[in-house]
Structure formats: structure tokens, C-alpha cells
């Protein structure tokens, strides 16, 4: 995998501890793909980041400060150098899934920084269907990202404390809504995904998928540091988020 060195175009705060990073990259990218960004000297290993958007040879990354590595990223200025590996991710699986999305009713469920993974996917899928709804939850209003700035409409915002949008966790709010959908995509904390599994389990003929997030090292499935348990018959197997995913069938993810 080639190491790419480019320049920062933008690194702007868009919510509490949350930044939008943009840099140039002139190869085709697809939703669900991600890159490994170098945050040395703060971190020796490269850190994975979902591609939040891509267009006109510009990659957008949305990240939240949760470590010294992401804190280092927040200090970068336009024209500073940024180094990354990628893109990574199983695009064949993604292409197989979207073959059947045309004119279908789609819902996205995003929790916290998991919203970064659904933005690119939303903007990609709206070429095939205009029947898309989004549920996006945060702890409190300070962390909420204005998704209109990323071309996303029909958003139901939720906050745990009720300081913005509807009060409650995003899965509970979604569960209490009467909404018809045929495809579901989600990304967020594991407790959110597990809670959503029980909600979707009650639905028939719904194709549901989770974009999983894990710490990783290599990005190509060799080191096995990003494995998740996936149901296989009456047993389970381990699959890697980096090379088998990050897109998985929601009901097959064992948490």
C-alpha cells in the first residue's frame, strides 16, 4: 500500500472537540472506505479515519479529539503536510449491497462520531433514491454537527439531555417513530448498535447493515487487531473490520 503525502487544505472546528479536515487526493473513492493517518510523533501507529466525503479530488475527514493523536491533528494548519495510507475497506461488499438500493426507502442511524461514516454514504445513495431519512444522536448540543452543511436533509436530531432536537438516545427515538424503510445503515458506539439490533429484529424483510469501528494497525487484515465476531450458522467466525468490512450485516454482528 502506497504512502501518500499531501497538504492540508482545511482543518476547521465544527462542534465541540470535533473538526473537519480536508486534503487533496486524486483517485476514486467509495463510501465505507477509510484511511490511516500518521499522527507521529504523538502516536507511532497510524490511526483509522472514515472518509466523510469525497469530491473534486478533495477528501473530507471528520474527527473528534479523544487522544493525543487526534489532538495533534487539530493543530494542523492549511499547507501543513499530512501523511496517510489507503484507502482501505471491502468495496466489493459495498457494491453488492447498493445494487438493490435504487428507489428504496433508506434510513441512517448515527451515534456520536459515527456520523462521519454515514455522510459520504448518504450523498452517494441519493443518486439512486430520494427516500432517505437520517437519525443522528449526541450526548448534548455542543457536540451536534449541522448536517445541512454536508448536504443532508430530513434529519431527526437527538440528544441524551434534550438540549437539542428530541430528548433521548437515538435508538429510542427511532424506535418510537413510525417510519417505513427497506434498508438501514448505522454507525456509532457498540451499545447503540446492540440496542438497534433488537429493534430491527422485530422487522421483516429489512436489509440492515452496520459500519463497524475498531482500532487497527495494518489495514489489510494481517495483524488481526480489528476483528469482530460474525455469526456463522450456529457458531461464529472472526472477521476483520479493515479488510472484510467495515460494512457488515447488522444481525450477524455479535456484541
C-alpha atoms as a PDB file:
ATOM      1  CA  UNK A   1       0.000   0.000   0.000  1.00  0.00           C
ATOM      2  CA  UNK A   2       1.396   3.353  -1.071  1.00  0.00           C
ATOM      3  CA  UNK A   3       2.134   6.061   1.461  1.00  0.00           C
ATOM      4  CA  UNK A   4       0.577   9.352   0.379  1.00  0.00           C
ATOM      5  CA  UNK A   5       1.964  12.746   1.349  1.00  0.00           C
ATOM      6  CA  UNK A   6      -0.215  15.782   0.722  1.00  0.00           C
ATOM      7  CA  UNK A   7      -1.109  19.198   2.106  1.00  0.00           C
ATOM      8  CA  UNK A   8      -3.883  20.196   4.469  1.00  0.00           C
ATOM      9  CA  UNK A   9      -6.485  22.370   2.738  1.00  0.00           C
ATOM     10  CA  UNK A  10      -8.765  22.951   5.723  1.00  0.00           C
ATOM     11  CA  UNK A  11      -8.867  21.965   9.377  1.00  0.00           C
ATOM     12  CA  UNK A  12     -11.855  23.651  10.974  1.00  0.00           C
ATOM     13  CA  UNK A  13     -13.691  23.147  14.254  1.00  0.00           C
ATOM     14  CA  UNK A  14     -17.341  22.301  13.546  1.00  0.00           C
ATOM     15  CA  UNK A  15     -18.572  21.261  17.021  1.00  0.00           C
ATOM     16  CA  UNK A  16     -17.142  20.680  20.481  1.00  0.00           C
ATOM     17  CA  UNK A  17     -13.832  18.790  20.114  1.00  0.00           C
ATOM     18  CA  UNK A  18     -14.874  17.992  16.530  1.00  0.00           C
ATOM     19  CA  UNK A  19     -13.015  19.019  13.376  1.00  0.00           C
ATOM     20  CA  UNK A  20     -13.418  18.884   9.613  1.00  0.00           C
ATOM     21  CA  UNK A  21     -10.126  18.072   7.879  1.00  0.00           C
ATOM     22  CA  UNK A  22      -9.706  18.350   4.099  1.00  0.00           C
ATOM     23  CA  UNK A  23      -6.803  17.369   1.857  1.00  0.00           C
ATOM     24  CA  UNK A  24      -6.143  16.591  -1.809  1.00  0.00           C
ATOM     25  CA  UNK A  25      -6.281  13.070  -3.240  1.00  0.00           C
ATOM     26  CA  UNK A  26      -6.840  12.333  -6.913  1.00  0.00           C
ATOM     27  CA  UNK A  27      -8.073   8.741  -7.027  1.00  0.00           C
ATOM     28  CA  UNK A  28     -11.623   7.425  -6.956  1.00  0.00           C
ATOM     29  CA  UNK A  29     -13.018   6.672  -3.512  1.00  0.00           C
ATOM     30  CA  UNK A  30     -16.198   4.946  -2.374  1.00  0.00           C
ATOM     31  CA  UNK A  31     -18.328   5.189   0.772  1.00  0.00           C
ATOM     32  CA  UNK A  32     -17.307   2.851   3.628  1.00  0.00           C
ATOM     33  CA  UNK A  33     -13.630   3.280   2.741  1.00  0.00           C
ATOM     34  CA  UNK A  34     -11.196   4.754   5.244  1.00  0.00           C
ATOM     35  CA  UNK A  35      -7.595   5.895   5.544  1.00  0.00           C
ATOM     36  CA  UNK A  36      -4.844   5.506   8.138  1.00  0.00           C
ATOM     37  CA  UNK A  37      -3.380   8.891   9.055  1.00  0.00           C
ATOM     38  CA  UNK A  38       0.054   9.420  10.552  1.00  0.00           C
ATOM     39  CA  UNK A  39      -0.020  11.373  13.835  1.00  0.00           C
ATOM     40  CA  UNK A  40       3.655  10.813  14.679  1.00  0.00           C
ATOM     41  CA  UNK A  41       5.338  11.894  16.986  1.00  0.00           C
ATOM     42  CA  UNK A  42       2.237  11.675  19.191  1.00  0.00           C
ATOM     43  CA  UNK A  43       1.385   8.161  18.026  1.00  0.00           C
ATOM     44  CA  UNK A  44       3.666   5.553  16.482  1.00  0.00           C
ATOM     45  CA  UNK A  45       0.846   3.631  14.783  1.00  0.00           C
ATOM     46  CA  UNK A  46      -1.316   5.249  12.135  1.00  0.00           C
ATOM     47  CA  UNK A  47      -4.927   5.962  13.136  1.00  0.00           C
ATOM     48  CA  UNK A  48      -8.005   4.949  11.099  1.00  0.00           C
ATOM     49  CA  UNK A  49     -10.465   7.617   9.940  1.00  0.00           C
ATOM     50  CA  UNK A  50     -13.623   7.183   7.890  1.00  0.00           C
ATOM     51  CA  UNK A  51     -13.877   9.151   4.680  1.00  0.00           C
ATOM     52  CA  UNK A  52     -16.703  11.559   5.451  1.00  0.00           C
ATOM     53  CA  UNK A  53     -16.931  12.920   1.921  1.00  0.00           C
ATOM     54  CA  UNK A  54     -15.090  12.995  -1.380  1.00  0.00           C
ATOM     55  CA  UNK A  55     -15.418  15.158  -4.467  1.00  0.00           C
ATOM     56  CA  UNK A  56     -13.323  17.270  -6.841  1.00  0.00           C
ATOM     57  CA  UNK A  57     -10.214  15.378  -5.658  1.00  0.00           C
ATOM     58  CA  UNK A  58     -10.753  16.527  -2.066  1.00  0.00           C
ATOM     59  CA  UNK A  59     -11.062  14.115   0.872  1.00  0.00           C
ATOM     60  CA  UNK A  60     -13.036  15.190   3.939  1.00  0.00           C
ATOM     61  CA  UNK A  61     -12.398  13.629   7.335  1.00  0.00           C
ATOM     62  CA  UNK A  62     -14.460  14.378  10.439  1.00  0.00           C
ATOM     63  CA  UNK A  63     -12.721  13.539  13.692  1.00  0.00           C
ATOM     64  CA  UNK A  64     -13.202  14.119  17.396  1.00  0.00           C
ATOM     65  CA  UNK A  65     -10.424  14.798  19.890  1.00  0.00           C
ATOM     66  CA  UNK A  66     -10.232  11.670  22.039  1.00  0.00           C
ATOM     67  CA  UNK A  67      -6.461  11.140  22.319  1.00  0.00           C
ATOM     68  CA  UNK A  68      -3.127  12.868  21.898  1.00  0.00           C
ATOM     69  CA  UNK A  69      -3.129  11.699  18.271  1.00  0.00           C
ATOM     70  CA  UNK A  70      -6.360  13.472  17.360  1.00  0.00           C
ATOM     71  CA  UNK A  71      -5.332  16.440  19.480  1.00  0.00           C
ATOM     72  CA  UNK A  72      -2.197  16.664  17.333  1.00  0.00           C
ATOM     73  CA  UNK A  73      -4.342  16.580  14.178  1.00  0.00           C
ATOM     74  CA  UNK A  74      -6.359  19.531  15.473  1.00  0.00           C
ATOM     75  CA  UNK A  75      -3.211  21.683  15.481  1.00  0.00           C
ATOM     76  CA  UNK A  76      -2.560  21.243  11.750  1.00  0.00           C
ATOM     77  CA  UNK A  77      -2.929  24.335   9.590  1.00  0.00           C
ATOM     78  CA  UNK A  78      -3.564  24.760   5.841  1.00  0.00           C
ATOM     79  CA  UNK A  79      -0.426  23.900   3.830  1.00  0.00           C
ATOM     80  CA  UNK A  80       0.894  21.673   6.639  1.00  0.00           C
ATOM     81  CA  UNK A  81       1.945  18.212   5.465  1.00  0.00           C
ATOM     82  CA  UNK A  82      -0.254  15.211   6.169  1.00  0.00           C
ATOM     83  CA  UNK A  83       0.740  11.584   5.549  1.00  0.00           C
ATOM     84  CA  UNK A  84      -1.690   8.694   5.148  1.00  0.00           C
ATOM     85  CA  UNK A  85      -2.121   5.148   3.893  1.00  0.00           C
ATOM     86  CA  UNK A  86      -5.120   3.926   1.974  1.00  0.00           C
ATOM     87  CA  UNK A  87      -7.804   3.785   1.016  1.00  0.00           C
ATOM     88  CA  UNK A  88      -8.868   0.597   2.816  1.00  0.00           C
ATOM     89  CA  UNK A  89     -12.156  -1.294   3.069  1.00  0.00           C
ATOM     90  CA  UNK A  90     -14.053  -4.021   1.253  1.00  0.00           C
ATOM     91  CA  UNK A  91     -15.578  -2.144  -1.676  1.00  0.00           C
ATOM     92  CA  UNK A  92     -16.889  -5.334  -3.307  1.00  0.00           C
ATOM     93  CA  UNK A  93     -19.220  -5.892  -0.381  1.00  0.00           C
ATOM     94  CA  UNK A  94     -20.386  -2.281  -0.605  1.00  0.00           C
ATOM     95  CA  UNK A  95     -21.058  -2.546  -4.347  1.00  0.00           C
ATOM     96  CA  UNK A  96     -23.042  -5.759  -3.830  1.00  0.00           C
ATOM     97  CA  UNK A  97     -25.235  -4.043  -1.238  1.00  0.00           C
ATOM     98  CA  UNK A  98     -26.054  -0.898  -3.201  1.00  0.00           C
ATOM     99  CA  UNK A  99     -27.124  -2.829  -6.299  1.00  0.00           C
ATOM    100  CA  UNK A 100     -30.557  -3.160  -4.716  1.00  0.00           C
ATOM    101  CA  UNK A 101     -30.973   0.303  -3.194  1.00  0.00           C
ATOM    102  CA  UNK A 102     -32.442   2.058  -6.247  1.00  0.00           C
ATOM    103  CA  UNK A 103     -35.762   3.761  -5.375  1.00  0.00           C
ATOM    104  CA  UNK A 104     -35.813   2.021  -1.984  1.00  0.00           C
ATOM    105  CA  UNK A 105     -36.620   3.612   1.373  1.00  0.00           C
ATOM    106  CA  UNK A 106     -33.392   4.031   3.336  1.00  0.00           C
ATOM    107  CA  UNK A 107     -32.781   5.089   6.927  1.00  0.00           C
ATOM    108  CA  UNK A 108     -29.469   6.005   8.553  1.00  0.00           C
ATOM    109  CA  UNK A 109     -28.842   5.801  12.309  1.00  0.00           C
ATOM    110  CA  UNK A 110     -25.726   7.593  13.549  1.00  0.00           C
ATOM    111  CA  UNK A 111     -24.423   7.994  17.070  1.00  0.00           C
ATOM    112  CA  UNK A 112     -21.658  10.397  18.099  1.00  0.00           C
ATOM    113  CA  UNK A 113     -18.626  10.482  15.839  1.00  0.00           C
ATOM    114  CA  UNK A 114     -20.128   7.567  13.894  1.00  0.00           C
ATOM    115  CA  UNK A 115     -21.939  10.229  11.894  1.00  0.00           C
ATOM    116  CA  UNK A 116     -18.707  10.717   9.930  1.00  0.00           C
ATOM    117  CA  UNK A 117     -19.171   7.315   8.294  1.00  0.00           C
ATOM    118  CA  UNK A 118     -22.692   7.939   7.024  1.00  0.00           C
ATOM    119  CA  UNK A 119     -22.230  11.342   5.327  1.00  0.00           C
ATOM    120  CA  UNK A 120     -20.379  10.053   2.258  1.00  0.00           C
ATOM    121  CA  UNK A 121     -22.746   7.089   2.017  1.00  0.00           C
ATOM    122  CA  UNK A 122     -25.811   9.352   2.194  1.00  0.00           C
ATOM    123  CA  UNK A 123     -24.548  11.643  -0.553  1.00  0.00           C
ATOM    124  CA  UNK A 124     -23.675   8.645  -2.707  1.00  0.00           C
ATOM    125  CA  UNK A 125     -27.011   6.873  -2.273  1.00  0.00           C
ATOM    126  CA  UNK A 126     -29.111   9.950  -3.016  1.00  0.00           C
ATOM    127  CA  UNK A 127     -28.142   9.422  -6.659  1.00  0.00           C
ATOM    128  CA  UNK A 128     -30.217   6.226  -6.549  1.00  0.00           C
ATOM    129  CA  UNK A 129     -33.084   7.146  -4.228  1.00  0.00           C
ATOM    130  CA  UNK A 130     -34.636  10.249  -2.707  1.00  0.00           C
ATOM    131  CA  UNK A 131     -36.387   8.275   0.030  1.00  0.00           C
ATOM    132  CA  UNK A 132     -33.760   8.733   2.737  1.00  0.00           C
ATOM    133  CA  UNK A 133     -34.177   9.596   6.419  1.00  0.00           C
ATOM    134  CA  UNK A 134     -31.455  10.217   8.987  1.00  0.00           C
ATOM    135  CA  UNK A 135     -31.464   9.866  12.772  1.00  0.00           C
ATOM    136  CA  UNK A 136     -28.422  11.376  14.455  1.00  0.00           C
ATOM    137  CA  UNK A 137     -27.761  11.406  18.196  1.00  0.00           C
ATOM    138  CA  UNK A 138     -25.247  13.081  20.501  1.00  0.00           C
ATOM    139  CA  UNK A 139     -24.836  13.418  24.261  1.00  0.00           C
ATOM    140  CA  UNK A 140     -25.544  17.149  24.268  1.00  0.00           C
ATOM    141  CA  UNK A 141     -25.981  20.042  21.828  1.00  0.00           C
ATOM    142  CA  UNK A 142     -22.336  21.146  21.946  1.00  0.00           C
ATOM    143  CA  UNK A 143     -21.315  18.030  20.011  1.00  0.00           C
ATOM    144  CA  UNK A 144     -24.012  18.225  17.343  1.00  0.00           C
ATOM    145  CA  UNK A 145     -22.788  18.691  13.762  1.00  0.00           C
ATOM    146  CA  UNK A 146     -25.055  20.629  11.411  1.00  0.00           C
ATOM    147  CA  UNK A 147     -25.598  18.028   8.712  1.00  0.00           C
ATOM    148  CA  UNK A 148     -27.174  20.548   6.345  1.00  0.00           C
ATOM    149  CA  UNK A 149     -23.632  21.779   5.755  1.00  0.00           C
ATOM    150  CA  UNK A 150     -22.895  18.356   4.262  1.00  0.00           C
ATOM    151  CA  UNK A 151     -25.939  18.184   2.003  1.00  0.00           C
ATOM    152  CA  UNK A 152     -28.033  16.026   4.330  1.00  0.00           C
ATOM    153  CA  UNK A 153     -31.764  16.664   4.694  1.00  0.00           C
ATOM    154  CA  UNK A 154     -34.584  15.027   6.639  1.00  0.00           C
ATOM    155  CA  UNK A 155     -32.536  14.710   9.828  1.00  0.00           C
ATOM    156  CA  UNK A 156     -34.019  13.850  13.209  1.00  0.00           C
ATOM    157  CA  UNK A 157     -31.548  15.142  15.800  1.00  0.00           C
ATOM    158  CA  UNK A 158     -31.480  13.689  19.302  1.00  0.00           C
ATOM    159  CA  UNK A 159     -29.516  14.489  22.443  1.00  0.00           C
ATOM    160  CA  UNK A 160     -29.399  12.482  25.637  1.00  0.00           C
ATOM    161  CA  UNK A 161     -30.130  15.581  27.740  1.00  0.00           C
ATOM    162  CA  UNK A 162     -32.686  17.155  25.397  1.00  0.00           C
ATOM    163  CA  UNK A 163     -30.556  20.254  24.808  1.00  0.00           C
ATOM    164  CA  UNK A 164     -31.004  19.948  21.017  1.00  0.00           C
ATOM    165  CA  UNK A 165     -33.590  18.123  18.960  1.00  0.00           C
ATOM    166  CA  UNK A 166     -35.550  15.346  20.612  1.00  0.00           C
ATOM    167  CA  UNK A 167     -34.609  14.122  24.068  1.00  0.00           C
ATOM    168  CA  UNK A 168     -33.319  10.585  24.417  1.00  0.00           C
ATOM    169  CA  UNK A 169     -30.838   8.248  22.854  1.00  0.00           C
ATOM    170  CA  UNK A 170     -31.063   7.963  19.097  1.00  0.00           C
ATOM    171  CA  UNK A 171     -32.248   4.339  19.039  1.00  0.00           C
ATOM    172  CA  UNK A 172     -35.119   5.004  21.460  1.00  0.00           C
ATOM    173  CA  UNK A 173     -36.272   7.993  19.421  1.00  0.00           C
ATOM    174  CA  UNK A 174     -36.024   5.976  16.214  1.00  0.00           C
ATOM    175  CA  UNK A 175     -37.958   3.077  17.749  1.00  0.00           C
ATOM    176  CA  UNK A 176     -40.828   5.362  18.727  1.00  0.00           C
ATOM    177  CA  UNK A 177     -41.145   6.857  15.252  1.00  0.00           C
ATOM    178  CA  UNK A 178     -43.492   5.415  12.685  1.00  0.00           C
ATOM    179  CA  UNK A 179     -41.222   5.174   9.682  1.00  0.00           C
ATOM    180  CA  UNK A 180     -41.288   2.819   6.738  1.00  0.00           C
ATOM    181  CA  UNK A 181     -37.915   1.655   5.437  1.00  0.00           C
ATOM    182  CA  UNK A 182     -36.380  -1.174   3.429  1.00  0.00           C
ATOM    183  CA  UNK A 183     -32.667  -0.552   4.050  1.00  0.00           C
ATOM    184  CA  UNK A 184     -30.954   0.543   7.249  1.00  0.00           C
ATOM    185  CA  UNK A 185     -27.349   1.641   7.745  1.00  0.00           C
ATOM    186  CA  UNK A 186     -25.884   2.505  11.132  1.00  0.00           C
ATOM    187  CA  UNK A 187     -22.622   3.593  12.714  1.00  0.00           C
ATOM    188  CA  UNK A 188     -21.868   4.507  16.292  1.00  0.00           C
ATOM    189  CA  UNK A 189     -20.887   3.123  19.695  1.00  0.00           C
ATOM    190  CA  UNK A 190     -21.303  -0.618  20.183  1.00  0.00           C
ATOM    191  CA  UNK A 191     -24.075  -0.235  22.820  1.00  0.00           C
ATOM    192  CA  UNK A 192     -26.054   1.771  20.247  1.00  0.00           C
ATOM    193  CA  UNK A 193     -25.561  -0.908  17.595  1.00  0.00           C
ATOM    194  CA  UNK A 194     -26.546  -3.674  20.005  1.00  0.00           C
ATOM    195  CA  UNK A 195     -29.678  -1.795  21.019  1.00  0.00           C
ATOM    196  CA  UNK A 196     -30.552  -1.245  17.379  1.00  0.00           C
ATOM    197  CA  UNK A 197     -30.210  -4.963  16.661  1.00  0.00           C
ATOM    198  CA  UNK A 198     -33.127  -5.714  18.982  1.00  0.00           C
ATOM    199  CA  UNK A 199     -35.259  -3.051  17.279  1.00  0.00           C
ATOM    200  CA  UNK A 200     -34.558  -4.230  13.737  1.00  0.00           C
ATOM    201  CA  UNK A 201     -35.026  -7.864  14.758  1.00  0.00           C
ATOM    202  CA  UNK A 202     -38.742  -7.157  15.092  1.00  0.00           C
ATOM    203  CA  UNK A 203     -38.950  -6.039  11.443  1.00  0.00           C
ATOM    204  CA  UNK A 204     -39.476  -8.345   8.480  1.00  0.00           C
ATOM    205  CA  UNK A 205     -37.727  -8.038   5.125  1.00  0.00           C
ATOM    206  CA  UNK A 206     -35.415  -5.229   6.222  1.00  0.00           C
ATOM    207  CA  UNK A 207     -31.845  -5.265   4.957  1.00  0.00           C
ATOM    208  CA  UNK A 208     -29.760  -3.742   7.735  1.00  0.00           C
ATOM    209  CA  UNK A 209     -26.031  -3.038   7.907  1.00  0.00           C
ATOM    210  CA  UNK A 210     -23.560  -1.735  10.461  1.00  0.00           C
ATOM    211  CA  UNK A 211     -20.399   0.196   9.731  1.00  0.00           C
ATOM    212  CA  UNK A 212     -18.105  -1.126  12.441  1.00  0.00           C
ATOM    213  CA  UNK A 213     -15.232   0.783  14.007  1.00  0.00           C
ATOM    214  CA  UNK A 214     -12.189  -0.760  15.693  1.00  0.00           C
ATOM    215  CA  UNK A 215      -8.619   0.158  16.492  1.00  0.00           C
ATOM    216  CA  UNK A 216      -6.243  -1.365  13.974  1.00  0.00           C
ATOM    217  CA  UNK A 217      -2.634  -1.458  12.841  1.00  0.00           C
ATOM    218  CA  UNK A 218      -2.104  -2.738   9.307  1.00  0.00           C
ATOM    219  CA  UNK A 219      -5.349  -2.021   7.461  1.00  0.00           C
ATOM    220  CA  UNK A 220      -5.129  -5.192   5.347  1.00  0.00           C
ATOM    221  CA  UNK A 221      -6.263  -7.949   7.731  1.00  0.00           C
ATOM    222  CA  UNK A 222      -2.839  -9.327   8.599  1.00  0.00           C
ATOM    223  CA  UNK A 223      -2.368  -8.207  12.197  1.00  0.00           C
ATOM    224  CA  UNK A 224      -5.924  -9.260  13.221  1.00  0.00           C
ATOM    225  CA  UNK A 225      -6.166  -6.424  15.730  1.00  0.00           C
ATOM    226  CA  UNK A 226      -9.567  -5.238  14.455  1.00  0.00           C
ATOM    227  CA  UNK A 227     -11.567  -8.471  14.465  1.00  0.00           C
ATOM    228  CA  UNK A 228     -15.279  -8.657  15.207  1.00  0.00           C
ATOM    229  CA  UNK A 229     -17.388 -11.729  15.906  1.00  0.00           C
ATOM    230  CA  UNK A 230     -19.683 -12.583  12.999  1.00  0.00           C
ATOM    231  CA  UNK A 231     -22.444 -15.175  13.229  1.00  0.00           C
ATOM    232  CA  UNK A 232     -21.867 -18.193  11.001  1.00  0.00           C
ATOM    233  CA  UNK A 233     -24.547 -20.876  11.206  1.00  0.00           C
ATOM    234  CA  UNK A 234     -24.802 -21.979  14.834  1.00  0.00           C
ATOM    235  CA  UNK A 235     -21.292 -20.732  15.566  1.00  0.00           C
ATOM    236  CA  UNK A 236     -19.266 -17.617  14.821  1.00  0.00           C
ATOM    237  CA  UNK A 237     -16.147 -16.575  12.957  1.00  0.00           C
ATOM    238  CA  UNK A 238     -13.795 -13.648  13.352  1.00  0.00           C
ATOM    239  CA  UNK A 239     -13.679 -11.131  10.524  1.00  0.00           C
ATOM    240  CA  UNK A 240     -11.572  -8.001  10.249  1.00  0.00           C
ATOM    241  CA  UNK A 241     -13.081  -4.539  10.088  1.00  0.00           C
ATOM    242  CA  UNK A 242     -10.296  -3.338   7.802  1.00  0.00           C
ATOM    243  CA  UNK A 243     -10.431  -5.950   5.029  1.00  0.00           C
ATOM    244  CA  UNK A 244     -13.723  -7.829   5.473  1.00  0.00           C
ATOM    245  CA  UNK A 245     -15.607  -4.685   6.481  1.00  0.00           C
ATOM    246  CA  UNK A 246     -16.215  -2.144   7.703  1.00  0.00           C
ATOM    247  CA  UNK A 247     -19.705  -2.927   6.352  1.00  0.00           C
ATOM    248  CA  UNK A 248     -21.388  -5.951   7.975  1.00  0.00           C
ATOM    249  CA  UNK A 249     -24.909  -7.328   8.104  1.00  0.00           C
ATOM    250  CA  UNK A 250     -26.321  -5.939  11.332  1.00  0.00           C
ATOM    251  CA  UNK A 251     -27.941  -9.145  12.552  1.00  0.00           C
ATOM    252  CA  UNK A 252     -24.728 -11.125  12.101  1.00  0.00           C
ATOM    253  CA  UNK A 253     -22.551  -8.891  14.293  1.00  0.00           C
ATOM    254  CA  UNK A 254     -22.137 -10.460  17.749  1.00  0.00           C
ATOM    255  CA  UNK A 255     -21.632  -7.914  20.518  1.00  0.00           C
END
